[in-house]
Amino acid sequence: MSDVRTARVLRQHVETDRLLGVDAVPRGAVVPVQAPPAAAEPAMPRPAATPAAAPARPTPTPPRRPTGPVPQDREGKAAALAELANEHAQYCNFCLNNPGYTQIVFGEGDPEAQLMIVGEGPGAEEDRQGRPFVGASGQLLEKQLGAMGLSREQVYIANVVKSRPPNNRTPTPAEAADCGIYLKRQIEIIAPKAILTLGGPAAKYLLDTTTGVTRLRGNWHTYHDADPPIPVMPTFHPAYLLRSYTPENRRTVWGDLQKVMERLGLPAK
């Protein structure tokens, strides 16, 4: 651009400023040029958090077996059994943590019974009624007792576990140990002359063995956790007979029951 033209342009700017009321043009302030922001340094990876140590699980406390003086008369035995039932309801590890039952089936019968009958655990009908052996198996058991010359009121009937296991499954050894201590106290209070176990789990628990009922049945064994020790006759569970109600199986069980009758001094039939 020529000097003349430059001067013209400047005069036009001055005239424009005058018309707009601008009487002075300040020097332009030096605007500092900002440096572009520095690129952010990549964040250093945080050290992985050390997972908190899981709290140590307390060592399970072995169940405490109920103890106490053993009454010698009917009323005292009945009272001791009632007290034991209350203690079981408050402290049994298995039953308190068992989600699969409706009612406790503690046991029933004569507190001075000469014969105690022990099964595995309550079934569906027992769970509904709160009584041992009242379903189809119980009806067959009553017929067997009748053939022996006994009624269920003359014996004492209980189970290793006193609530129905989830899905009606066989109780585990740990569950049997938790609940079985109350069965052992029942045996101690009643002090029967003989015990008839029905099915494998009951025989295995009381005899502290892994041998199956097929090999155990028909022979006398000894329950040593009593003073004095008590003879035990294992036999098949009535539920097994209902599934396999053959003449051979019925003769087998009847032979076992006759040995119990002989031990108790009942008339032979």
Protein backbone atom coordinates (compact mmCIF):
# COMPACT_ATOMS: atom_id res chain seq x y z
CA MET A 1 0.00 0.00 0.00
CA SER A 2 1.40 3.56 -0.88
CA ASP A 3 2.06 6.19 1.77
CA VAL A 4 -0.73 8.37 0.35
CA ARG A 5 -3.24 5.58 0.61
CA THR A 6 -2.03 4.72 4.08
CA ALA A 7 -2.52 8.28 5.22
CA ARG A 8 -6.03 8.30 3.75
CA VAL A 9 -6.98 5.17 5.59
CA LEU A 10 -5.66 6.52 8.87
CA ARG A 11 -7.61 9.77 8.43
CA GLN A 12 -10.77 7.76 7.77
CA HIS A 13 -10.24 5.84 11.05
CA VAL A 14 -9.71 9.10 12.95
CA GLU A 15 -12.83 10.65 11.46
CA THR A 16 -14.83 7.56 12.28
CA ASP A 17 -13.58 7.66 15.88
CA ARG A 18 -14.54 11.36 16.13
CA LEU A 19 -18.05 10.69 14.91
CA LEU A 20 -18.35 7.92 17.48
CA GLY A 21 -17.11 10.21 20.26
CA VAL A 22 -13.72 8.60 20.63
CA ASP A 23 -11.21 11.34 21.35
CA ALA A 24 -8.20 9.19 22.08
CA VAL A 25 -7.04 5.78 21.08
CA PRO A 26 -5.16 4.00 23.85
CA ARG A 27 -2.19 2.03 23.08
CA GLY A 28 -2.97 -1.56 22.74
CA ALA A 29 -2.00 -3.53 25.84
CA VAL A 30 0.41 -6.25 25.31
CA VAL A 31 -1.57 -9.40 25.73
CA PRO A 32 0.62 -12.17 26.90
CA VAL A 33 0.39 -15.16 24.73
CA GLN A 34 -0.64 -18.09 26.83
CA ALA A 35 1.30 -21.19 26.31
CA PRO A 36 -0.80 -24.15 25.34
CA PRO A 37 -1.64 -26.27 28.33
CA ALA A 38 0.90 -28.91 28.91
CA ALA A 39 -0.28 -32.33 28.01
CA ALA A 40 -1.46 -34.12 31.11
CA GLU A 41 0.96 -36.72 32.20
CA PRO A 42 -0.54 -40.17 32.21
CA ALA A 43 -1.75 -41.04 35.67
CA MET A 44 0.42 -43.50 37.41
CA PRO A 45 -1.51 -46.72 37.95
CA ARG A 46 -2.66 -47.07 41.50
CA PRO A 47 -1.29 -50.05 43.27
CA ALA A 48 -3.87 -52.79 43.47
CA ALA A 49 -5.68 -52.71 46.75
CA THR A 50 -4.74 -55.55 48.96
CA PRO A 51 -7.95 -57.49 49.57
CA ALA A 52 -9.00 -57.46 53.17
CA ALA A 53 -8.40 -60.75 54.81
CA ALA A 54 -11.62 -62.64 55.33
CA PRO A 55 -12.47 -62.91 59.00
CA ALA A 56 -11.50 -66.25 60.36
CA ARG A 57 -14.47 -68.49 60.86
CA PRO A 58 -14.90 -69.56 64.42
CA THR A 59 -14.16 -73.17 65.05
CA PRO A 60 -17.48 -74.95 65.43
CA THR A 61 -18.18 -75.79 69.01
CA PRO A 62 -18.92 -79.48 69.43
CA PRO A 63 -22.49 -79.98 70.59
CA ARG A 64 -22.78 -80.38 74.33
CA ARG A 65 -24.47 -83.59 75.32
CA PRO A 66 -27.25 -83.02 77.83
CA THR A 67 -26.52 -84.52 81.21
CA GLY A 68 -28.11 -84.75 84.60
CA PRO A 69 -29.31 -87.21 87.17
CA VAL A 70 -31.44 -90.01 85.77
CA PRO A 71 -34.82 -90.32 87.50
CA GLN A 72 -35.92 -93.80 88.50
CA ASP A 73 -39.71 -93.39 88.58
CA ARG A 74 -42.22 -92.85 85.77
CA GLU A 75 -43.14 -89.30 86.73
CA GLY A 76 -39.51 -88.27 87.06
CA LYS A 77 -38.61 -89.80 83.70
CA ALA A 78 -41.56 -88.07 82.01
CA ALA A 79 -40.51 -84.73 83.52
CA ALA A 80 -36.89 -85.25 82.46
CA LEU A 81 -37.99 -86.02 78.89
CA ALA A 82 -40.15 -82.88 78.81
CA GLU A 83 -37.22 -80.81 80.07
CA LEU A 84 -34.98 -82.40 77.44
CA ALA A 85 -37.49 -81.55 74.70
CA ASN A 86 -37.40 -77.92 75.79
CA GLU A 87 -33.60 -77.91 75.86
CA HIS A 88 -33.49 -79.47 72.40
CA ALA A 89 -35.82 -76.79 71.01
CA GLN A 90 -33.48 -74.07 72.28
CA TYR A 91 -30.05 -75.48 71.53
CA CYS A 92 -30.05 -78.19 68.83
CA ASN A 93 -27.61 -76.97 66.15
CA PHE A 94 -29.20 -79.05 63.42
CA CYS A 95 -32.84 -78.24 64.04
CA LEU A 96 -32.24 -74.52 64.67
CA ASN A 97 -30.51 -74.23 61.28
CA ASN A 98 -32.73 -76.61 59.35
CA PRO A 99 -35.00 -74.71 56.91
CA GLY A 100 -36.89 -77.74 55.69
CA TYR A 101 -39.29 -78.73 58.45
CA THR A 102 -42.63 -77.73 59.96
CA GLN A 103 -42.63 -79.37 63.39
CA ILE A 104 -40.14 -80.95 65.74
CA VAL A 105 -40.78 -84.67 66.19
CA PHE A 106 -39.18 -85.31 69.55
CA GLY A 107 -40.46 -88.79 70.39
CA GLU A 108 -43.29 -90.41 72.27
CA GLY A 109 -44.27 -93.45 74.25
CA ASP A 110 -43.80 -95.04 77.64
CA PRO A 111 -40.99 -93.33 79.60
CA GLU A 112 -40.37 -96.69 81.30
CA ALA A 113 -40.51 -98.74 78.09
CA GLN A 114 -38.53 -101.97 77.95
CA LEU A 115 -38.18 -101.55 74.18
CA MET A 116 -37.05 -98.38 72.45
CA ILE A 117 -37.47 -98.09 68.69
CA VAL A 118 -35.15 -95.72 66.82
CA GLY A 119 -35.57 -94.56 63.23
CA GLU A 120 -33.66 -92.16 61.02
CA GLY A 121 -35.77 -89.00 60.97
CA PRO A 122 -39.30 -87.69 60.40
CA GLY A 123 -40.97 -88.08 57.02
CA ALA A 124 -43.56 -85.80 55.43
CA GLU A 125 -46.52 -87.07 57.45
CA GLU A 126 -44.53 -87.05 60.71
CA ASP A 127 -43.48 -83.48 59.93
CA ARG A 128 -47.13 -82.47 59.50
CA GLN A 129 -48.35 -84.17 62.68
CA GLY A 130 -45.31 -83.74 64.92
CA ARG A 131 -45.33 -87.44 65.86
CA PRO A 132 -42.93 -90.26 64.94
CA PHE A 133 -43.97 -93.05 62.57
CA VAL A 134 -47.52 -92.01 61.73
CA GLY A 135 -47.41 -92.33 57.94
CA ALA A 136 -47.49 -95.53 55.92
CA SER A 137 -44.29 -96.72 57.63
CA GLY A 138 -45.88 -96.07 61.00
CA GLN A 139 -48.95 -98.09 60.12
CA LEU A 140 -46.76 -101.04 59.18
CA LEU A 141 -44.73 -100.62 62.37
CA GLU A 142 -47.91 -100.77 64.45
CA LYS A 143 -48.85 -104.04 62.75
CA GLN A 144 -45.39 -105.41 63.54
CA LEU A 145 -45.71 -104.37 67.17
CA GLY A 146 -49.13 -105.96 67.35
CA ALA A 147 -47.66 -109.21 66.05
CA MET A 148 -45.12 -109.00 68.88
CA GLY A 149 -47.89 -108.52 71.45
CA LEU A 150 -47.11 -104.82 71.95
CA SER A 151 -48.74 -101.48 71.19
CA ARG A 152 -46.99 -98.22 70.42
CA GLU A 153 -48.07 -96.94 73.83
CA GLN A 154 -45.94 -99.65 75.44
CA VAL A 155 -42.72 -98.74 73.64
CA TYR A 156 -40.84 -95.48 73.15
CA ILE A 157 -40.32 -94.30 69.57
CA ALA A 158 -37.75 -91.69 68.54
CA ASN A 159 -35.43 -90.76 65.68
CA VAL A 160 -31.77 -89.86 65.33
CA VAL A 161 -32.73 -86.38 64.05
CA LYS A 162 -35.88 -84.69 65.29
CA SER A 163 -36.73 -82.52 62.30
CA ARG A 164 -37.21 -83.46 58.68
CA PRO A 165 -34.00 -82.91 56.66
CA PRO A 166 -34.30 -80.70 53.55
CA ASN A 167 -35.84 -82.59 50.61
CA ASN A 168 -36.37 -85.54 52.95
CA ARG A 169 -32.78 -86.61 52.41
CA THR A 170 -30.71 -88.81 54.70
CA PRO A 171 -29.11 -86.75 57.49
CA THR A 172 -25.37 -86.30 57.21
CA PRO A 173 -23.06 -87.66 59.93
CA ALA A 174 -22.53 -84.11 61.21
CA GLU A 175 -26.28 -83.50 61.42
CA ALA A 176 -26.78 -86.82 63.18
CA ALA A 177 -24.05 -85.88 65.66
CA ASP A 178 -25.67 -82.49 66.37
CA CYS A 179 -29.16 -83.84 66.98
CA GLY A 180 -28.28 -87.36 68.10
CA ILE A 181 -26.98 -86.22 71.47
CA TYR A 182 -30.60 -85.67 72.47
CA LEU A 183 -31.47 -89.21 71.40
CA LYS A 184 -28.65 -90.50 73.58
CA ARG A 185 -30.05 -88.58 76.53
CA GLN A 186 -33.49 -90.05 75.81
CA ILE A 187 -31.95 -93.53 75.93
CA GLU A 188 -30.22 -92.64 79.19
CA ILE A 189 -33.47 -91.45 80.79
CA ILE A 190 -35.64 -94.33 79.55
CA ALA A 191 -32.99 -97.03 80.10
CA PRO A 192 -34.70 -99.67 77.92
CA LYS A 193 -33.82 -103.35 78.06
CA ALA A 194 -33.33 -103.41 74.27
CA ILE A 195 -33.21 -101.07 71.27
CA LEU A 196 -34.66 -101.91 67.86
CA THR A 197 -33.13 -99.76 65.11
CA LEU A 198 -35.03 -99.34 61.86
CA GLY A 199 -32.85 -98.81 58.79
CA GLY A 200 -29.17 -98.17 58.25
CA PRO A 201 -28.67 -94.59 59.55
CA ALA A 202 -30.06 -95.36 63.02
CA ALA A 203 -27.96 -98.51 63.39
CA LYS A 204 -24.82 -96.81 62.13
CA TYR A 205 -25.23 -93.90 64.52
CA LEU A 206 -25.91 -95.86 67.70
CA LEU A 207 -23.33 -98.55 66.93
CA ASP A 208 -20.74 -96.06 65.62
CA THR A 209 -20.11 -98.10 62.49
CA THR A 210 -20.12 -97.75 58.72
CA THR A 211 -21.39 -101.28 58.17
CA GLY A 212 -24.70 -101.42 56.31
CA VAL A 213 -27.95 -102.70 57.79
CA THR A 214 -27.99 -105.76 55.52
CA ARG A 215 -24.93 -107.09 57.32
CA LEU A 216 -25.90 -105.79 60.76
CA ARG A 217 -29.48 -107.04 60.92
CA GLY A 218 -30.44 -110.31 62.55
CA ASN A 219 -27.62 -110.19 65.11
CA TRP A 220 -27.41 -108.59 68.51
CA HIS A 221 -25.00 -105.68 68.89
CA THR A 222 -24.23 -103.42 71.83
CA TYR A 223 -24.85 -99.75 72.42
CA HIS A 224 -21.88 -98.93 74.63
CA ASP A 225 -22.73 -95.32 75.42
CA ALA A 226 -24.98 -96.36 78.30
CA ASP A 227 -24.43 -97.75 81.77
CA PRO A 228 -25.08 -100.60 81.63
CA PRO A 229 -24.66 -101.14 77.86
CA ILE A 230 -27.87 -101.93 75.95
CA PRO A 231 -28.38 -104.69 73.35
CA VAL A 232 -29.35 -103.43 69.89
CA MET A 233 -31.16 -105.35 67.15
CA PRO A 234 -30.93 -103.68 63.72
CA THR A 235 -33.55 -104.50 61.11
CA PHE A 236 -34.89 -103.07 57.89
CA HIS A 237 -36.94 -99.86 57.95
CA PRO A 238 -40.69 -100.31 57.34
CA ALA A 239 -40.33 -97.99 54.32
CA TYR A 240 -38.00 -100.54 52.76
CA LEU A 241 -40.55 -103.29 53.29
CA LEU A 242 -43.25 -101.15 51.69
CA ARG A 243 -41.07 -100.78 48.62
CA SER A 244 -40.06 -104.46 48.58
CA TYR A 245 -42.94 -106.24 50.28
CA THR A 246 -41.87 -109.75 49.40
CA PRO A 247 -42.47 -112.89 51.48
CA GLU A 248 -38.72 -113.26 51.92
CA ASN A 249 -38.26 -109.74 53.31
CA ARG A 250 -41.24 -110.14 55.62
CA ARG A 251 -39.86 -113.42 56.99
CA THR A 252 -36.46 -111.77 57.47
CA VAL A 253 -37.87 -108.90 59.53
CA TRP A 254 -40.19 -111.18 61.48
CA GLY A 255 -37.19 -113.28 62.44
CA ASP A 256 -35.45 -110.14 63.76
CA LEU A 257 -38.53 -109.18 65.76
CA GLN A 258 -38.82 -112.64 67.27
CA LYS A 259 -35.29 -112.28 68.64
CA VAL A 260 -36.36 -109.04 70.31
CA MET A 261 -39.40 -110.78 71.77
CA GLU A 262 -37.17 -113.50 73.19
CA ARG A 263 -34.84 -110.92 74.72
CA LEU A 264 -37.77 -109.15 76.39
CA GLY A 265 -39.37 -112.36 77.58
CA LEU A 266 -42.48 -111.93 75.43
CA PRO A 267 -44.48 -115.04 74.51
CA ALA A 268 -43.32 -116.64 71.28
CA LYS A 269 -45.76 -116.58 68.36
